[in-house]
Amino acid sequence: MPEEQSAALSALKGESILHQLAVEDYLPENYVLGNEQREQISRVLDGLNPIFKNLLVLRYAVGLSYQEIAEALDINEQTVKTYLYRAKQKFRAIWRGLDDE
């Protein structure tokens, strides 16, 4: 795995996850997030099943393909897609719950 991907994994940054998962009307100019939003993303990710969190980070923060994730985790590519779908659904549900607070 390239060094930059490894560093990204270690940092577990989720900036792009907010817009691709939680915001229905994703606009590139909205990409810049404040500290509060980053903290919310981190809380949502921490509330997920660890495999869901890892899959979301690998896909959206690190930018790995489904095949690369499957190889890295030694699981079937279809399983990656299924789990990512479930992870996105759970992320959205938790995120929307934060909006209600």
N, C-alpha and C. Protein backbone atom coordinates (compact mmCIF):
# COMPACT_ATOMS: atom_id res chain seq x y z
N MET A 1 0.86 -1.18 0.00
CA MET A 1 0.00 0.00 0.00
C MET A 1 0.90 1.23 0.00
N PRO A 2 0.62 2.21 -0.89
CA PRO A 2 1.45 3.41 -0.94
C PRO A 2 1.46 4.14 0.40
N GLU A 3 2.56 4.86 0.65
CA GLU A 3 2.74 5.54 1.92
C GLU A 3 1.62 6.53 2.22
N GLU A 4 1.17 7.28 1.20
CA GLU A 4 0.12 8.27 1.44
C GLU A 4 -1.20 7.60 1.83
N GLN A 5 -1.50 6.44 1.26
CA GLN A 5 -2.71 5.72 1.65
C GLN A 5 -2.58 5.21 3.07
N SER A 6 -1.39 4.74 3.42
CA SER A 6 -1.16 4.26 4.77
C SER A 6 -1.31 5.39 5.78
N ALA A 7 -0.78 6.56 5.44
CA ALA A 7 -0.90 7.72 6.33
C ALA A 7 -2.36 8.13 6.47
N ALA A 8 -3.09 8.08 5.38
CA ALA A 8 -4.51 8.45 5.41
C ALA A 8 -5.28 7.47 6.28
N LEU A 9 -4.94 6.20 6.18
CA LEU A 9 -5.60 5.20 7.02
C LEU A 9 -5.33 5.48 8.49
N SER A 10 -4.09 5.81 8.80
CA SER A 10 -3.72 6.07 10.19
C SER A 10 -4.46 7.27 10.74
N ALA A 11 -4.64 8.28 9.91
CA ALA A 11 -5.30 9.50 10.36
C ALA A 11 -6.80 9.31 10.49
N LEU A 12 -7.36 8.37 9.74
CA LEU A 12 -8.80 8.11 9.74
C LEU A 12 -9.61 9.39 9.57
N LYS A 13 -9.21 10.18 8.59
CA LYS A 13 -9.94 11.42 8.31
C LYS A 13 -11.15 11.08 7.47
N GLY A 14 -12.28 11.73 7.77
CA GLY A 14 -13.51 11.45 7.09
C GLY A 14 -14.12 12.64 6.38
N GLU A 15 -13.31 13.62 5.97
CA GLU A 15 -13.86 14.83 5.38
C GLU A 15 -14.77 14.54 4.20
N SER A 16 -14.38 13.68 3.29
CA SER A 16 -15.20 13.45 2.11
C SER A 16 -16.42 12.60 2.41
N ILE A 17 -16.40 11.89 3.52
CA ILE A 17 -17.52 11.03 3.86
C ILE A 17 -18.78 11.85 4.10
N LEU A 18 -18.65 12.98 4.75
CA LEU A 18 -19.83 13.80 5.05
C LEU A 18 -20.61 14.10 3.79
N HIS A 19 -19.93 14.60 2.81
CA HIS A 19 -20.64 15.04 1.61
C HIS A 19 -21.09 13.88 0.74
N GLN A 20 -20.39 12.81 0.72
CA GLN A 20 -20.78 11.70 -0.13
C GLN A 20 -21.82 10.81 0.53
N LEU A 21 -21.90 10.85 1.84
CA LEU A 21 -22.82 9.96 2.54
C LEU A 21 -24.00 10.67 3.17
N ALA A 22 -23.76 11.81 3.78
CA ALA A 22 -24.80 12.44 4.58
C ALA A 22 -25.56 13.54 3.86
N VAL A 23 -24.94 14.17 2.91
CA VAL A 23 -25.56 15.31 2.25
C VAL A 23 -26.11 14.86 0.91
N GLU A 24 -27.42 15.01 0.74
CA GLU A 24 -28.06 14.58 -0.50
C GLU A 24 -27.61 15.42 -1.69
N ASP A 25 -27.44 16.71 -1.49
CA ASP A 25 -27.08 17.61 -2.60
C ASP A 25 -25.60 17.97 -2.54
N TYR A 26 -24.75 17.00 -2.76
CA TYR A 26 -23.31 17.18 -2.71
C TYR A 26 -22.85 18.22 -3.73
N LEU A 27 -22.12 19.20 -3.25
CA LEU A 27 -21.52 20.21 -4.11
C LEU A 27 -20.04 20.31 -3.76
N PRO A 28 -19.16 20.26 -4.76
CA PRO A 28 -17.73 20.31 -4.47
C PRO A 28 -17.30 21.52 -3.65
N GLU A 29 -17.93 22.67 -3.85
CA GLU A 29 -17.53 23.87 -3.11
C GLU A 29 -17.86 23.78 -1.62
N ASN A 30 -18.67 22.81 -1.24
CA ASN A 30 -18.99 22.61 0.17
C ASN A 30 -18.02 21.65 0.85
N TYR A 31 -16.94 21.30 0.18
CA TYR A 31 -16.02 20.28 0.67
C TYR A 31 -15.29 20.71 1.95
N VAL A 32 -15.02 22.00 2.09
CA VAL A 32 -14.27 22.48 3.24
C VAL A 32 -15.15 22.40 4.48
N LEU A 33 -14.66 21.69 5.46
CA LEU A 33 -15.44 21.45 6.67
C LEU A 33 -14.81 22.16 7.86
N GLY A 34 -15.64 22.58 8.77
CA GLY A 34 -15.15 23.16 10.00
C GLY A 34 -14.80 22.09 11.01
N ASN A 35 -14.16 22.50 12.07
CA ASN A 35 -13.76 21.57 13.12
C ASN A 35 -14.96 20.84 13.72
N GLU A 36 -16.07 21.55 13.89
CA GLU A 36 -17.24 20.92 14.48
C GLU A 36 -17.76 19.79 13.60
N GLN A 37 -17.80 20.01 12.29
CA GLN A 37 -18.26 18.97 11.39
C GLN A 37 -17.31 17.79 11.38
N ARG A 38 -16.01 18.03 11.42
CA ARG A 38 -15.05 16.93 11.47
C ARG A 38 -15.24 16.12 12.74
N GLU A 39 -15.50 16.80 13.84
CA GLU A 39 -15.74 16.10 15.10
C GLU A 39 -17.01 15.27 15.02
N GLN A 40 -18.05 15.81 14.38
CA GLN A 40 -19.30 15.05 14.22
C GLN A 40 -19.06 13.81 13.37
N ILE A 41 -18.32 13.97 12.29
CA ILE A 41 -18.02 12.82 11.42
C ILE A 41 -17.27 11.76 12.21
N SER A 42 -16.31 12.21 12.99
CA SER A 42 -15.53 11.27 13.81
C SER A 42 -16.43 10.54 14.80
N ARG A 43 -17.37 11.26 15.42
CA ARG A 43 -18.30 10.62 16.35
C ARG A 43 -19.18 9.60 15.65
N VAL A 44 -19.66 9.96 14.46
CA VAL A 44 -20.50 9.02 13.70
C VAL A 44 -19.69 7.78 13.35
N LEU A 45 -18.49 7.97 12.84
CA LEU A 45 -17.65 6.82 12.49
C LEU A 45 -17.35 5.96 13.70
N ASP A 46 -17.09 6.60 14.84
CA ASP A 46 -16.80 5.85 16.07
C ASP A 46 -18.01 5.06 16.56
N GLY A 47 -19.21 5.49 16.17
CA GLY A 47 -20.42 4.80 16.57
C GLY A 47 -20.78 3.61 15.69
N LEU A 48 -20.03 3.43 14.62
CA LEU A 48 -20.29 2.33 13.70
C LEU A 48 -19.58 1.06 14.12
N ASN A 49 -20.08 -0.06 13.67
CA ASN A 49 -19.39 -1.34 13.77
C ASN A 49 -17.99 -1.13 13.18
N PRO A 50 -16.94 -1.64 13.80
CA PRO A 50 -15.57 -1.41 13.30
C PRO A 50 -15.36 -1.78 11.83
N ILE A 51 -15.99 -2.85 11.35
CA ILE A 51 -15.80 -3.21 9.94
C ILE A 51 -16.43 -2.16 9.04
N PHE A 52 -17.60 -1.63 9.44
CA PHE A 52 -18.24 -0.58 8.66
C PHE A 52 -17.37 0.67 8.62
N LYS A 53 -16.84 1.04 9.78
CA LYS A 53 -15.96 2.22 9.86
C LYS A 53 -14.75 2.04 8.96
N ASN A 54 -14.11 0.89 9.05
CA ASN A 54 -12.91 0.64 8.24
C ASN A 54 -13.23 0.67 6.75
N LEU A 55 -14.34 0.08 6.37
CA LEU A 55 -14.72 0.07 4.96
C LEU A 55 -14.97 1.49 4.44
N LEU A 56 -15.68 2.30 5.22
CA LEU A 56 -15.95 3.68 4.80
C LEU A 56 -14.66 4.48 4.67
N VAL A 57 -13.77 4.30 5.62
CA VAL A 57 -12.50 5.02 5.57
C VAL A 57 -11.68 4.58 4.36
N LEU A 58 -11.59 3.28 4.15
CA LEU A 58 -10.82 2.78 3.01
C LEU A 58 -11.39 3.27 1.69
N ARG A 59 -12.70 3.29 1.58
CA ARG A 59 -13.33 3.67 0.31
C ARG A 59 -13.32 5.18 0.09
N TYR A 60 -13.74 5.96 1.09
CA TYR A 60 -13.97 7.39 0.88
C TYR A 60 -12.83 8.29 1.33
N ALA A 61 -12.12 7.93 2.37
CA ALA A 61 -11.00 8.76 2.82
C ALA A 61 -9.70 8.37 2.12
N VAL A 62 -9.48 7.07 1.98
CA VAL A 62 -8.26 6.60 1.33
C VAL A 62 -8.44 6.50 -0.18
N GLY A 63 -9.65 6.18 -0.62
CA GLY A 63 -9.93 6.14 -2.05
C GLY A 63 -9.65 4.81 -2.73
N LEU A 64 -9.68 3.72 -1.96
CA LEU A 64 -9.44 2.42 -2.56
C LEU A 64 -10.66 1.95 -3.34
N SER A 65 -10.42 1.16 -4.36
CA SER A 65 -11.51 0.56 -5.13
C SER A 65 -12.09 -0.61 -4.34
N TYR A 66 -13.25 -1.10 -4.80
CA TYR A 66 -13.85 -2.27 -4.15
C TYR A 66 -12.88 -3.45 -4.18
N GLN A 67 -12.25 -3.64 -5.32
CA GLN A 67 -11.31 -4.75 -5.47
C GLN A 67 -10.12 -4.59 -4.52
N GLU A 68 -9.58 -3.38 -4.40
CA GLU A 68 -8.45 -3.14 -3.51
C GLU A 68 -8.83 -3.39 -2.05
N ILE A 69 -10.02 -2.98 -1.69
CA ILE A 69 -10.49 -3.21 -0.32
C ILE A 69 -10.64 -4.71 -0.07
N ALA A 70 -11.24 -5.41 -1.03
CA ALA A 70 -11.43 -6.85 -0.89
C ALA A 70 -10.09 -7.55 -0.71
N GLU A 71 -9.11 -7.17 -1.50
CA GLU A 71 -7.77 -7.78 -1.38
C GLU A 71 -7.12 -7.43 -0.05
N ALA A 72 -7.24 -6.17 0.38
CA ALA A 72 -6.61 -5.74 1.63
C ALA A 72 -7.21 -6.45 2.84
N LEU A 73 -8.52 -6.69 2.79
CA LEU A 73 -9.20 -7.32 3.93
C LEU A 73 -9.41 -8.82 3.75
N ASP A 74 -9.00 -9.34 2.59
CA ASP A 74 -9.13 -10.76 2.27
C ASP A 74 -10.58 -11.22 2.38
N ILE A 75 -11.47 -10.43 1.74
CA ILE A 75 -12.87 -10.80 1.66
C ILE A 75 -13.34 -10.65 0.22
N ASN A 76 -14.49 -11.20 -0.09
CA ASN A 76 -15.06 -11.17 -1.42
C ASN A 76 -15.46 -9.74 -1.80
N GLU A 77 -15.28 -9.36 -3.06
CA GLU A 77 -15.63 -8.02 -3.52
C GLU A 77 -17.12 -7.72 -3.34
N GLN A 78 -17.97 -8.70 -3.58
CA GLN A 78 -19.40 -8.49 -3.38
C GLN A 78 -19.73 -8.23 -1.92
N THR A 79 -19.00 -8.87 -1.02
CA THR A 79 -19.18 -8.62 0.41
C THR A 79 -18.80 -7.19 0.75
N VAL A 80 -17.74 -6.69 0.14
CA VAL A 80 -17.34 -5.29 0.33
C VAL A 80 -18.48 -4.37 -0.08
N LYS A 81 -19.07 -4.61 -1.25
CA LYS A 81 -20.16 -3.76 -1.74
C LYS A 81 -21.36 -3.82 -0.81
N THR A 82 -21.71 -5.01 -0.37
CA THR A 82 -22.86 -5.18 0.53
C THR A 82 -22.62 -4.46 1.86
N TYR A 83 -21.47 -4.68 2.45
CA TYR A 83 -21.15 -4.06 3.73
C TYR A 83 -21.06 -2.54 3.59
N LEU A 84 -20.51 -2.05 2.48
CA LEU A 84 -20.44 -0.60 2.28
C LEU A 84 -21.84 0.00 2.17
N TYR A 85 -22.73 -0.69 1.50
CA TYR A 85 -24.10 -0.22 1.40
C TYR A 85 -24.71 -0.10 2.80
N ARG A 86 -24.54 -1.13 3.60
CA ARG A 86 -25.07 -1.13 4.96
C ARG A 86 -24.41 -0.04 5.82
N ALA A 87 -23.10 0.11 5.63
CA ALA A 87 -22.36 1.12 6.39
C ALA A 87 -22.85 2.52 6.05
N LYS A 88 -23.12 2.78 4.77
CA LYS A 88 -23.62 4.10 4.36
C LYS A 88 -25.00 4.35 4.94
N GLN A 89 -25.84 3.33 4.95
CA GLN A 89 -27.18 3.47 5.52
C GLN A 89 -27.09 3.81 7.01
N LYS A 90 -26.23 3.10 7.72
CA LYS A 90 -26.07 3.33 9.16
C LYS A 90 -25.47 4.71 9.41
N PHE A 91 -24.47 5.10 8.61
CA PHE A 91 -23.86 6.42 8.74
C PHE A 91 -24.92 7.51 8.60
N ARG A 92 -25.74 7.39 7.55
CA ARG A 92 -26.79 8.39 7.31
C ARG A 92 -27.76 8.46 8.49
N ALA A 93 -28.15 7.31 9.00
CA ALA A 93 -29.11 7.27 10.12
C ALA A 93 -28.53 7.96 11.35
N ILE A 94 -27.29 7.67 11.67
CA ILE A 94 -26.65 8.30 12.83
C ILE A 94 -26.48 9.79 12.58
N TRP A 95 -26.05 10.16 11.38
CA TRP A 95 -25.83 11.57 11.04
C TRP A 95 -27.14 12.36 11.17
N ARG A 96 -28.20 11.81 10.67
CA ARG A 96 -29.49 12.50 10.75
C ARG A 96 -29.94 12.63 12.19
N GLY A 97 -29.59 11.67 13.02
CA GLY A 97 -29.89 11.77 14.44
C GLY A 97 -29.15 12.90 15.11
N LEU A 98 -27.93 13.17 14.67
CA LEU A 98 -27.17 14.29 15.20
C LEU A 98 -27.81 15.61 14.82
N ASP A 99 -28.37 15.67 13.61
CA ASP A 99 -29.03 16.89 13.14
C ASP A 99 -30.25 17.23 13.98
N ASP A 100 -30.88 16.20 14.54
CA ASP A 100 -32.07 16.40 15.34
C ASP A 100 -31.78 16.94 16.73
N GLU A 101 -30.52 16.82 17.15
CA GLU A 101 -30.15 17.24 18.52
C GLU A 101 -30.11 18.74 18.64
